[in-house]
């Protein structure tokens, strides 16, 4: 198992849901694909510096640290692409826990 850090921008424009419900859904998506969530950090809703269209002017930023097998990562990334709530995602290998 390797430790990964994912920075997610959740699309709050299309849903009236509470951001906590969106984060819980994201964590369920991670665990459904064979990973375990170690920590979460909600970074709040922030406006985008460059607005591509008027529909997406801001996003809710969430940082998740999770553990999964390296072979399961491509399937997990594909699940993020198919999810309507995830606007952008960046996954990096996290440093070892202190």
PDB file of N, CA and C in Angstrom:
ATOM      1  N   UNK A   1       0.848  -1.183   0.000  1.00  0.00           N
ATOM      2  CA  UNK A   1       0.000   0.000   0.000  1.00  0.00           C
ATOM      3  C   UNK A   1       0.888   1.239   0.000  1.00  0.00           C
ATOM      4  N   UNK A   2       0.503   2.182  -0.804  1.00  0.00           N
ATOM      5  CA  UNK A   2       1.204   3.459  -0.846  1.00  0.00           C
ATOM      6  C   UNK A   2       0.277   4.558  -0.364  1.00  0.00           C
ATOM      7  N   UNK A   3       0.894   5.611   0.080  1.00  0.00           N
ATOM      8  CA  UNK A   3       0.168   6.754   0.632  1.00  0.00           C
ATOM      9  C   UNK A   3       0.107   7.840  -0.432  1.00  0.00           C
ATOM     10  N   UNK A   4      -1.108   8.318  -0.721  1.00  0.00           N
ATOM     11  CA  UNK A   4      -1.320   9.341  -1.738  1.00  0.00           C
ATOM     12  C   UNK A   4      -2.060  10.528  -1.140  1.00  0.00           C
ATOM     13  N   UNK A   5      -1.852  11.665  -1.763  1.00  0.00           N
ATOM     14  CA  UNK A   5      -2.553  12.889  -1.377  1.00  0.00           C
ATOM     15  C   UNK A   5      -3.293  13.397  -2.596  1.00  0.00           C
ATOM     16  N   UNK A   6      -4.576  13.622  -2.438  1.00  0.00           N
ATOM     17  CA  UNK A   6      -5.398  14.108  -3.541  1.00  0.00           C
ATOM     18  C   UNK A   6      -5.983  15.465  -3.212  1.00  0.00           C
ATOM     19  N   UNK A   7      -5.762  16.421  -4.101  1.00  0.00           N
ATOM     20  CA  UNK A   7      -6.383  17.737  -3.967  1.00  0.00           C
ATOM     21  C   UNK A   7      -7.555  17.762  -4.934  1.00  0.00           C
ATOM     22  N   UNK A   8      -8.746  17.910  -4.399  1.00  0.00           N
ATOM     23  CA  UNK A   8      -9.976  17.862  -5.187  1.00  0.00           C
ATOM     24  C   UNK A   8     -10.641  19.227  -5.201  1.00  0.00           C
ATOM     25  N   UNK A   9     -11.141  19.604  -6.356  1.00  0.00           N
ATOM     26  CA  UNK A   9     -12.011  20.769  -6.465  1.00  0.00           C
ATOM     27  C   UNK A   9     -13.384  20.224  -6.801  1.00  0.00           C
ATOM     28  N   UNK A  10     -14.322  20.417  -5.904  1.00  0.00           N
ATOM     29  CA  UNK A  10     -15.667  19.897  -6.087  1.00  0.00           C
ATOM     30  C   UNK A  10     -16.546  20.960  -6.723  1.00  0.00           C
ATOM     31  N   UNK A  11     -17.360  20.524  -7.660  1.00  0.00           N
ATOM     32  CA  UNK A  11     -18.262  21.422  -8.385  1.00  0.00           C
ATOM     33  C   UNK A  11     -19.510  21.643  -7.545  1.00  0.00           C
ATOM     34  N   UNK A  12     -19.657  22.825  -7.001  1.00  0.00           N
ATOM     35  CA  UNK A  12     -20.833  23.142  -6.193  1.00  0.00           C
ATOM     36  C   UNK A  12     -21.857  23.929  -6.981  1.00  0.00           C
ATOM     37  N   UNK A  13     -21.577  24.258  -8.243  1.00  0.00           N
ATOM     38  CA  UNK A  13     -22.495  25.061  -9.045  1.00  0.00           C
ATOM     39  C   UNK A  13     -23.755  24.287  -9.411  1.00  0.00           C
ATOM     40  N   UNK A  14     -23.604  23.000  -9.715  1.00  0.00           N
ATOM     41  CA  UNK A  14     -24.737  22.208 -10.182  1.00  0.00           C
ATOM     42  C   UNK A  14     -25.559  21.582  -9.080  1.00  0.00           C
ATOM     43  N   UNK A  15     -25.140  21.691  -7.840  1.00  0.00           N
ATOM     44  CA  UNK A  15     -25.873  21.030  -6.762  1.00  0.00           C
ATOM     45  C   UNK A  15     -26.118  21.996  -5.615  1.00  0.00           C
ATOM     46  N   UNK A  16     -27.233  21.764  -4.959  1.00  0.00           N
ATOM     47  CA  UNK A  16     -27.579  22.567  -3.795  1.00  0.00           C
ATOM     48  C   UNK A  16     -27.221  21.831  -2.511  1.00  0.00           C
ATOM     49  N   UNK A  17     -26.464  20.735  -2.639  1.00  0.00           N
ATOM     50  CA  UNK A  17     -26.097  19.921  -1.485  1.00  0.00           C
ATOM     51  C   UNK A  17     -25.120  20.656  -0.583  1.00  0.00           C
ATOM     52  N   UNK A  18     -25.141  20.243   0.661  1.00  0.00           N
ATOM     53  CA  UNK A  18     -24.194  20.721   1.647  1.00  0.00           C
ATOM     54  C   UNK A  18     -22.799  20.218   1.256  1.00  0.00           C
ATOM     55  N   UNK A  19     -21.766  21.050   1.343  1.00  0.00           N
ATOM     56  CA  UNK A  19     -20.419  20.578   0.991  1.00  0.00           C
ATOM     57  C   UNK A  19     -19.981  19.346   1.769  1.00  0.00           C
ATOM     58  N   UNK A  20     -20.447  19.182   3.004  1.00  0.00           N
ATOM     59  CA  UNK A  20     -20.075  17.993   3.775  1.00  0.00           C
ATOM     60  C   UNK A  20     -20.632  16.733   3.129  1.00  0.00           C
ATOM     61  N   UNK A  21     -21.829  16.804   2.547  1.00  0.00           N
ATOM     62  CA  UNK A  21     -22.394  15.653   1.848  1.00  0.00           C
ATOM     63  C   UNK A  21     -21.565  15.318   0.616  1.00  0.00           C
ATOM     64  N   UNK A  22     -21.053  16.340  -0.063  1.00  0.00           N
ATOM     65  CA  UNK A  22     -20.213  16.111  -1.234  1.00  0.00           C
ATOM     66  C   UNK A  22     -18.892  15.450  -0.835  1.00  0.00           C
ATOM     67  N   UNK A  23     -18.317  15.884   0.288  1.00  0.00           N
ATOM     68  CA  UNK A  23     -17.063  15.290   0.780  1.00  0.00           C
ATOM     69  C   UNK A  23     -17.306  13.848   1.208  1.00  0.00           C
ATOM     70  N   UNK A  24     -18.425  13.582   1.866  1.00  0.00           N
ATOM     71  CA  UNK A  24     -18.741  12.210   2.272  1.00  0.00           C
ATOM     72  C   UNK A  24     -18.921  11.309   1.052  1.00  0.00           C
ATOM     73  N   UNK A  25     -19.551  11.831   0.011  1.00  0.00           N
ATOM     74  CA  UNK A  25     -19.698  11.065  -1.220  1.00  0.00           C
ATOM     75  C   UNK A  25     -18.363  10.786  -1.878  1.00  0.00           C
ATOM     76  N   UNK A  26     -17.457  11.747  -1.805  1.00  0.00           N
ATOM     77  CA  UNK A  26     -16.120  11.570  -2.354  1.00  0.00           C
ATOM     78  C   UNK A  26     -15.361  10.496  -1.584  1.00  0.00           C
ATOM     79  N   UNK A  27     -15.481  10.503  -0.259  1.00  0.00           N
ATOM     80  CA  UNK A  27     -14.816   9.489   0.557  1.00  0.00           C
ATOM     81  C   UNK A  27     -15.389   8.100   0.293  1.00  0.00           C
ATOM     82  N   UNK A  28     -16.698   8.002   0.052  1.00  0.00           N
ATOM     83  CA  UNK A  28     -17.301   6.717  -0.295  1.00  0.00           C
ATOM     84  C   UNK A  28     -16.780   6.223  -1.635  1.00  0.00           C
ATOM     85  N   UNK A  29     -16.575   7.137  -2.571  1.00  0.00           N
ATOM     86  CA  UNK A  29     -16.030   6.772  -3.878  1.00  0.00           C
ATOM     87  C   UNK A  29     -14.605   6.235  -3.744  1.00  0.00           C
ATOM     88  N   UNK A  30     -13.828   6.851  -2.882  1.00  0.00           N
ATOM     89  CA  UNK A  30     -12.447   6.405  -2.658  1.00  0.00           C
ATOM     90  C   UNK A  30     -12.439   5.017  -2.024  1.00  0.00           C
ATOM     91  N   UNK A  31     -13.250   4.812  -1.003  1.00  0.00           N
ATOM     92  CA  UNK A  31     -13.260   3.520  -0.323  1.00  0.00           C
ATOM     93  C   UNK A  31     -13.894   2.429  -1.185  1.00  0.00           C
ATOM     94  N   UNK A  32     -14.814   2.773  -2.063  1.00  0.00           N
ATOM     95  CA  UNK A  32     -15.440   1.782  -2.939  1.00  0.00           C
ATOM     96  C   UNK A  32     -14.449   1.225  -3.959  1.00  0.00           C
ATOM     97  N   UNK A  33     -13.382   1.965  -4.233  1.00  0.00           N
ATOM     98  CA  UNK A  33     -12.382   1.528  -5.196  1.00  0.00           C
ATOM     99  C   UNK A  33     -11.151   0.921  -4.519  1.00  0.00           C
ATOM    100  N   UNK A  34     -11.279   0.473  -3.284  1.00  0.00           N
ATOM    101  CA  UNK A  34     -10.220  -0.277  -2.627  1.00  0.00           C
ATOM    102  C   UNK A  34      -9.211   0.547  -1.855  1.00  0.00           C
ATOM    103  N   UNK A  35      -9.464   1.811  -1.630  1.00  0.00           N
ATOM    104  CA  UNK A  35      -8.534   2.654  -0.869  1.00  0.00           C
ATOM    105  C   UNK A  35      -9.108   2.922   0.515  1.00  0.00           C
ATOM    106  N   UNK A  36      -8.240   3.337   1.430  1.00  0.00           N
ATOM    107  CA  UNK A  36      -8.676   3.727   2.768  1.00  0.00           C
ATOM    108  C   UNK A  36      -8.294   5.180   2.997  1.00  0.00           C
ATOM    109  N   UNK A  37      -9.237   5.963   3.471  1.00  0.00           N
ATOM    110  CA  UNK A  37      -9.001   7.380   3.724  1.00  0.00           C
ATOM    111  C   UNK A  37      -8.340   7.518   5.080  1.00  0.00           C
ATOM    112  N   UNK A  38      -7.210   8.211   5.094  1.00  0.00           N
ATOM    113  CA  UNK A  38      -6.448   8.407   6.320  1.00  0.00           C
ATOM    114  C   UNK A  38      -6.801   9.743   6.975  1.00  0.00           C
ATOM    115  N   UNK A  39      -6.936  10.786   6.175  1.00  0.00           N
ATOM    116  CA  UNK A  39      -7.223  12.110   6.718  1.00  0.00           C
ATOM    117  C   UNK A  39      -7.922  12.950   5.654  1.00  0.00           C
ATOM    118  N   UNK A  40      -8.670  13.927   6.113  1.00  0.00           N
ATOM    119  CA  UNK A  40      -9.332  14.872   5.210  1.00  0.00           C
ATOM    120  C   UNK A  40      -9.129  16.286   5.735  1.00  0.00           C
ATOM    121  N   UNK A  41      -9.029  17.205   4.809  1.00  0.00           N
ATOM    122  CA  UNK A  41      -8.885  18.605   5.171  1.00  0.00           C
ATOM    123  C   UNK A  41      -9.747  19.414   4.219  1.00  0.00           C
ATOM    124  N   UNK A  42     -10.779  20.054   4.777  1.00  0.00           N
ATOM    125  CA  UNK A  42     -11.646  20.897   3.962  1.00  0.00           C
ATOM    126  C   UNK A  42     -11.037  22.290   3.910  1.00  0.00           C
ATOM    127  N   UNK A  43     -10.835  22.781   2.712  1.00  0.00           N
ATOM    128  CA  UNK A  43     -10.167  24.071   2.543  1.00  0.00           C
ATOM    129  C   UNK A  43     -11.122  25.194   2.192  1.00  0.00           C
ATOM    130  N   UNK A  44     -12.423  24.940   2.160  1.00  0.00           N
ATOM    131  CA  UNK A  44     -13.449  25.940   1.943  1.00  0.00           C
ATOM    132  C   UNK A  44     -13.657  26.223   0.457  1.00  0.00           C
ATOM    133  N   UNK A  45     -14.644  27.028   0.182  1.00  0.00           N
ATOM    134  CA  UNK A  45     -14.959  27.419  -1.194  1.00  0.00           C
ATOM    135  C   UNK A  45     -14.121  28.637  -1.557  1.00  0.00           C
ATOM    136  N   UNK A  46     -13.485  28.558  -2.722  1.00  0.00           N
ATOM    137  CA  UNK A  46     -12.606  29.643  -3.165  1.00  0.00           C
ATOM    138  C   UNK A  46     -12.924  30.015  -4.604  1.00  0.00           C
ATOM    139  N   UNK A  47     -12.824  31.287  -4.932  1.00  0.00           N
ATOM    140  CA  UNK A  47     -13.040  31.686  -6.336  1.00  0.00           C
ATOM    141  C   UNK A  47     -11.831  31.313  -7.184  1.00  0.00           C
ATOM    142  N   UNK A  48     -12.087  31.031  -8.458  1.00  0.00           N
ATOM    143  CA  UNK A  48     -11.012  30.710  -9.378  1.00  0.00           C
ATOM    144  C   UNK A  48     -10.322  31.985  -9.836  1.00  0.00           C
ATOM    145  N   UNK A  49      -9.010  31.918 -10.011  1.00  0.00           N
ATOM    146  CA  UNK A  49      -8.252  33.061 -10.503  1.00  0.00           C
ATOM    147  C   UNK A  49      -8.588  33.329 -11.967  1.00  0.00           C
ATOM    148  N   UNK A  50      -8.731  32.252 -12.738  1.00  0.00           N
ATOM    149  CA  UNK A  50      -9.126  32.366 -14.147  1.00  0.00           C
ATOM    150  C   UNK A  50     -10.446  31.637 -14.328  1.00  0.00           C
ATOM    151  N   UNK A  51     -11.438  32.352 -14.771  1.00  0.00           N
ATOM    152  CA  UNK A  51     -12.763  31.782 -14.950  1.00  0.00           C
ATOM    153  C   UNK A  51     -12.925  31.377 -16.412  1.00  0.00           C
ATOM    154  N   UNK A  52     -13.142  30.079 -16.644  1.00  0.00           N
ATOM    155  CA  UNK A  52     -13.307  29.580 -18.015  1.00  0.00           C
ATOM    156  C   UNK A  52     -14.702  29.892 -18.553  1.00  0.00           C
ATOM    157  N   UNK A  53     -15.711  29.743 -17.725  1.00  0.00           N
ATOM    158  CA  UNK A  53     -17.072  30.095 -18.108  1.00  0.00           C
ATOM    159  C   UNK A  53     -17.811  30.601 -16.874  1.00  0.00           C
ATOM    160  N   UNK A  54     -18.954  31.213 -17.088  1.00  0.00           N
ATOM    161  CA  UNK A  54     -19.670  31.833 -15.970  1.00  0.00           C
ATOM    162  C   UNK A  54     -20.325  30.811 -15.053  1.00  0.00           C
ATOM    163  N   UNK A  55     -20.433  29.559 -15.505  1.00  0.00           N
ATOM    164  CA  UNK A  55     -21.033  28.526 -14.670  1.00  0.00           C
ATOM    165  C   UNK A  55     -20.093  28.107 -13.548  1.00  0.00           C
ATOM    166  N   UNK A  56     -18.808  28.081 -13.824  1.00  0.00           N
ATOM    167  CA  UNK A  56     -17.819  27.644 -12.838  1.00  0.00           C
ATOM    168  C   UNK A  56     -16.932  28.820 -12.439  1.00  0.00           C
ATOM    169  N   UNK A  57     -17.327  29.531 -11.416  1.00  0.00           N
ATOM    170  CA  UNK A  57     -16.547  30.674 -10.945  1.00  0.00           C
ATOM    171  C   UNK A  57     -15.816  30.366  -9.638  1.00  0.00           C
ATOM    172  N   UNK A  58     -16.217  29.279  -8.969  1.00  0.00           N
ATOM    173  CA  UNK A  58     -15.595  28.910  -7.700  1.00  0.00           C
ATOM    174  C   UNK A  58     -15.746  27.411  -7.496  1.00  0.00           C
ATOM    175  N   UNK A  59     -14.983  26.872  -6.557  1.00  0.00           N
ATOM    176  CA  UNK A  59     -15.068  25.452  -6.243  1.00  0.00           C
ATOM    177  C   UNK A  59     -14.739  25.219  -4.780  1.00  0.00           C
ATOM    178  N   UNK A  60     -15.198  24.093  -4.273  1.00  0.00           N
ATOM    179  CA  UNK A  60     -14.944  23.719  -2.888  1.00  0.00           C
ATOM    180  C   UNK A  60     -13.718  22.810  -2.869  1.00  0.00           C
ATOM    181  N   UNK A  61     -12.662  23.240  -2.224  1.00  0.00           N
ATOM    182  CA  UNK A  61     -11.384  22.529  -2.212  1.00  0.00           C
ATOM    183  C   UNK A  61     -11.334  21.558  -1.029  1.00  0.00           C
ATOM    184  N   UNK A  62     -10.903  20.343  -1.309  1.00  0.00           N
ATOM    185  CA  UNK A  62     -10.764  19.301  -0.287  1.00  0.00           C
ATOM    186  C   UNK A  62      -9.454  18.574  -0.522  1.00  0.00           C
ATOM    187  N   UNK A  63      -8.732  18.316   0.552  1.00  0.00           N
ATOM    188  CA  UNK A  63      -7.479  17.568   0.485  1.00  0.00           C
ATOM    189  C   UNK A  63      -7.698  16.247   1.222  1.00  0.00           C
ATOM    190  N   UNK A  64      -7.512  15.121   0.505  1.00  0.00           N
ATOM    191  CA  UNK A  64      -7.652  13.801   1.113  1.00  0.00           C
ATOM    192  C   UNK A  64      -6.320  13.070   1.066  1.00  0.00           C
ATOM    193  N   UNK A  65      -5.973  12.435   2.159  1.00  0.00           N
ATOM    194  CA  UNK A  65      -4.813  11.546   2.200  1.00  0.00           C
ATOM    195  C   UNK A  65      -5.377  10.143   2.322  1.00  0.00           C
ATOM    196  N   UNK A  66      -4.975   9.286   1.381  1.00  0.00           N
ATOM    197  CA  UNK A  66      -5.516   7.932   1.358  1.00  0.00           C
ATOM    198  C   UNK A  66      -4.425   6.933   1.004  1.00  0.00           C
ATOM    199  N   UNK A  67      -4.678   5.677   1.347  1.00  0.00           N
ATOM    200  CA  UNK A  67      -3.762   4.573   1.065  1.00  0.00           C
ATOM    201  C   UNK A  67      -4.426   3.643   0.066  1.00  0.00           C
ATOM    202  N   UNK A  68      -3.674   3.230  -0.956  1.00  0.00           N
ATOM    203  CA  UNK A  68      -4.175   2.245  -1.900  1.00  0.00           C
ATOM    204  C   UNK A  68      -3.002   1.568  -2.597  1.00  0.00           C
ATOM    205  N   UNK A  69      -3.299   0.468  -3.247  1.00  0.00           N
ATOM    206  CA  UNK A  69      -2.301  -0.239  -4.024  1.00  0.00           C
ATOM    207  C   UNK A  69      -2.006   0.556  -5.294  1.00  0.00           C
ATOM    208  N   UNK A  70      -0.758   0.597  -5.745  1.00  0.00           N
ATOM    209  CA  UNK A  70      -0.431   1.350  -6.956  1.00  0.00           C
ATOM    210  C   UNK A  70      -1.195   0.884  -8.190  1.00  0.00           C
ATOM    211  N   UNK A  71      -1.519  -0.390  -8.269  1.00  0.00           N
ATOM    212  CA  UNK A  71      -2.268  -0.906  -9.407  1.00  0.00           C
ATOM    213  C   UNK A  71      -3.717  -0.457  -9.428  1.00  0.00           C
ATOM    214  N   UNK A  72      -4.253  -0.066  -8.283  1.00  0.00           N
ATOM    215  CA  UNK A  72      -5.649   0.371  -8.196  1.00  0.00           C
ATOM    216  C   UNK A  72      -5.813   1.852  -8.502  1.00  0.00           C
ATOM    217  N   UNK A  73      -4.715   2.587  -8.599  1.00  0.00           N
ATOM    218  CA  UNK A  73      -4.797   4.035  -8.805  1.00  0.00           C
ATOM    219  C   UNK A  73      -5.420   4.433 -10.144  1.00  0.00           C
ATOM    220  N   UNK A  74      -5.106   3.767 -11.267  1.00  0.00           N
ATOM    221  CA  UNK A  74      -5.759   4.164 -12.530  1.00  0.00           C
ATOM    222  C   UNK A  74      -7.283   4.011 -12.503  1.00  0.00           C
ATOM    223  N   UNK A  75      -7.783   2.956 -11.874  1.00  0.00           N
ATOM    224  CA  UNK A  75      -9.235   2.776 -11.763  1.00  0.00           C
ATOM    225  C   UNK A  75      -9.847   3.856 -10.886  1.00  0.00           C
ATOM    226  N   UNK A  76      -9.126   4.246  -9.859  1.00  0.00           N
ATOM    227  CA  UNK A  76      -9.599   5.306  -8.973  1.00  0.00           C
ATOM    228  C   UNK A  76      -9.643   6.644  -9.704  1.00  0.00           C
ATOM    229  N   UNK A  77      -8.609   6.942 -10.486  1.00  0.00           N
ATOM    230  CA  UNK A  77      -8.599   8.185 -11.260  1.00  0.00           C
ATOM    231  C   UNK A  77      -9.722   8.207 -12.286  1.00  0.00           C
ATOM    232  N   UNK A  78     -10.012   7.067 -12.894  1.00  0.00           N
ATOM    233  CA  UNK A  78     -11.113   6.974 -13.852  1.00  0.00           C
ATOM    234  C   UNK A  78     -12.452   7.233 -13.162  1.00  0.00           C
ATOM    235  N   UNK A  79     -12.608   6.743 -11.940  1.00  0.00           N
ATOM    236  CA  UNK A  79     -13.838   6.986 -11.181  1.00  0.00           C
ATOM    237  C   UNK A  79     -14.006   8.466 -10.876  1.00  0.00           C
ATOM    238  N   UNK A  80     -12.903   9.174 -10.637  1.00  0.00           N
ATOM    239  CA  UNK A  80     -12.990  10.615 -10.385  1.00  0.00           C
ATOM    240  C   UNK A  80     -13.423  11.363 -11.638  1.00  0.00           C
ATOM    241  N   UNK A  81     -12.917  10.938 -12.796  1.00  0.00           N
ATOM    242  CA  UNK A  81     -13.274  11.588 -14.054  1.00  0.00           C
ATOM    243  C   UNK A  81     -14.761  11.410 -14.353  1.00  0.00           C
ATOM    244  N   UNK A  82     -15.298  10.233 -14.061  1.00  0.00           N
ATOM    245  CA  UNK A  82     -16.698   9.941 -14.340  1.00  0.00           C
ATOM    246  C   UNK A  82     -17.661  10.576 -13.344  1.00  0.00           C
ATOM    247  N   UNK A  83     -17.175  10.996 -12.196  1.00  0.00           N
ATOM    248  CA  UNK A  83     -18.031  11.590 -11.172  1.00  0.00           C
ATOM    249  C   UNK A  83     -18.333  13.039 -11.522  1.00  0.00           C
ATOM    250  N   UNK A  84     -19.618  13.421 -11.437  1.00  0.00           N
ATOM    251  CA  UNK A  84     -20.032  14.781 -11.783  1.00  0.00           C
ATOM    252  C   UNK A  84     -19.627  15.810 -10.736  1.00  0.00           C
ATOM    253  N   UNK A  85     -19.418  15.384  -9.518  1.00  0.00           N
ATOM    254  CA  UNK A  85     -19.102  16.309  -8.437  1.00  0.00           C
ATOM    255  C   UNK A  85     -17.649  16.776  -8.503  1.00  0.00           C
ATOM    256  N   UNK A  86     -16.752  15.918  -8.970  1.00  0.00           N
ATOM    257  CA  UNK A  86     -15.327  16.248  -9.024  1.00  0.00           C
ATOM    258  C   UNK A  86     -15.066  17.105 -10.254  1.00  0.00           C
ATOM    259  N   UNK A  87     -14.709  18.368 -10.018  1.00  0.00           N
ATOM    260  CA  UNK A  87     -14.417  19.286 -11.117  1.00  0.00           C
ATOM    261  C   UNK A  87     -12.977  19.118 -11.588  1.00  0.00           C
ATOM    262  N   UNK A  88     -12.030  19.081 -10.658  1.00  0.00           N
ATOM    263  CA  UNK A  88     -10.613  18.850 -10.956  1.00  0.00           C
ATOM    264  C   UNK A  88     -10.020  18.011  -9.823  1.00  0.00           C
ATOM    265  N   UNK A  89      -8.958  17.268 -10.152  1.00  0.00           N
ATOM    266  CA  UNK A  89      -8.268  16.475  -9.143  1.00  0.00           C
ATOM    267  C   UNK A  89      -6.794  16.399  -9.502  1.00  0.00           C
ATOM    268  N   UNK A  90      -5.960  16.429  -8.466  1.00  0.00           N
ATOM    269  CA  UNK A  90      -4.528  16.231  -8.631  1.00  0.00           C
ATOM    270  C   UNK A  90      -4.087  15.267  -7.540  1.00  0.00           C
ATOM    271  N   UNK A  91      -3.514  14.129  -7.973  1.00  0.00           N
ATOM    272  CA  UNK A  91      -3.076  13.108  -7.030  1.00  0.00           C
ATOM    273  C   UNK A  91      -1.566  13.022  -7.069  1.00  0.00           C
ATOM    274  N   UNK A  92      -0.944  13.096  -5.901  1.00  0.00           N
ATOM    275  CA  UNK A  92       0.504  12.969  -5.775  1.00  0.00           C
ATOM    276  C   UNK A  92       0.800  11.932  -4.700  1.00  0.00           C
ATOM    277  N   UNK A  93       2.004  11.407  -4.736  1.00  0.00           N
ATOM    278  CA  UNK A  93       2.429  10.478  -3.699  1.00  0.00           C
ATOM    279  C   UNK A  93       2.794  11.277  -2.464  1.00  0.00           C
ATOM    280  N   UNK A  94       2.187  10.932  -1.345  1.00  0.00           N
ATOM    281  CA  UNK A  94       2.391  11.677  -0.097  1.00  0.00           C
ATOM    282  C   UNK A  94       3.654  11.198   0.608  1.00  0.00           C
ATOM    283  N   UNK A  95       4.196  12.070   1.403  1.00  0.00           N
ATOM    284  CA  UNK A  95       5.350  11.719   2.211  1.00  0.00           C
ATOM    285  C   UNK A  95       4.918  10.807   3.349  1.00  0.00           C
ATOM    286  N   UNK A  96       5.853  10.147   3.966  1.00  0.00           N
ATOM    287  CA  UNK A  96       5.554   9.230   5.057  1.00  0.00           C
ATOM    288  C   UNK A  96       4.971   9.970   6.247  1.00  0.00           C
ATOM    289  N   UNK A  97       4.091   9.306   6.955  1.00  0.00           N
ATOM    290  CA  UNK A  97       3.450   9.906   8.131  1.00  0.00           C
ATOM    291  C   UNK A  97       4.494  10.109   9.219  1.00  0.00           C
ATOM    292  N   UNK A  98       4.341  11.205   9.952  1.00  0.00           N
ATOM    293  CA  UNK A  98       5.299  11.521  11.021  1.00  0.00           C
ATOM    294  C   UNK A  98       4.993  10.724  12.265  1.00  0.00           C
TER     295      UNK A  98
END
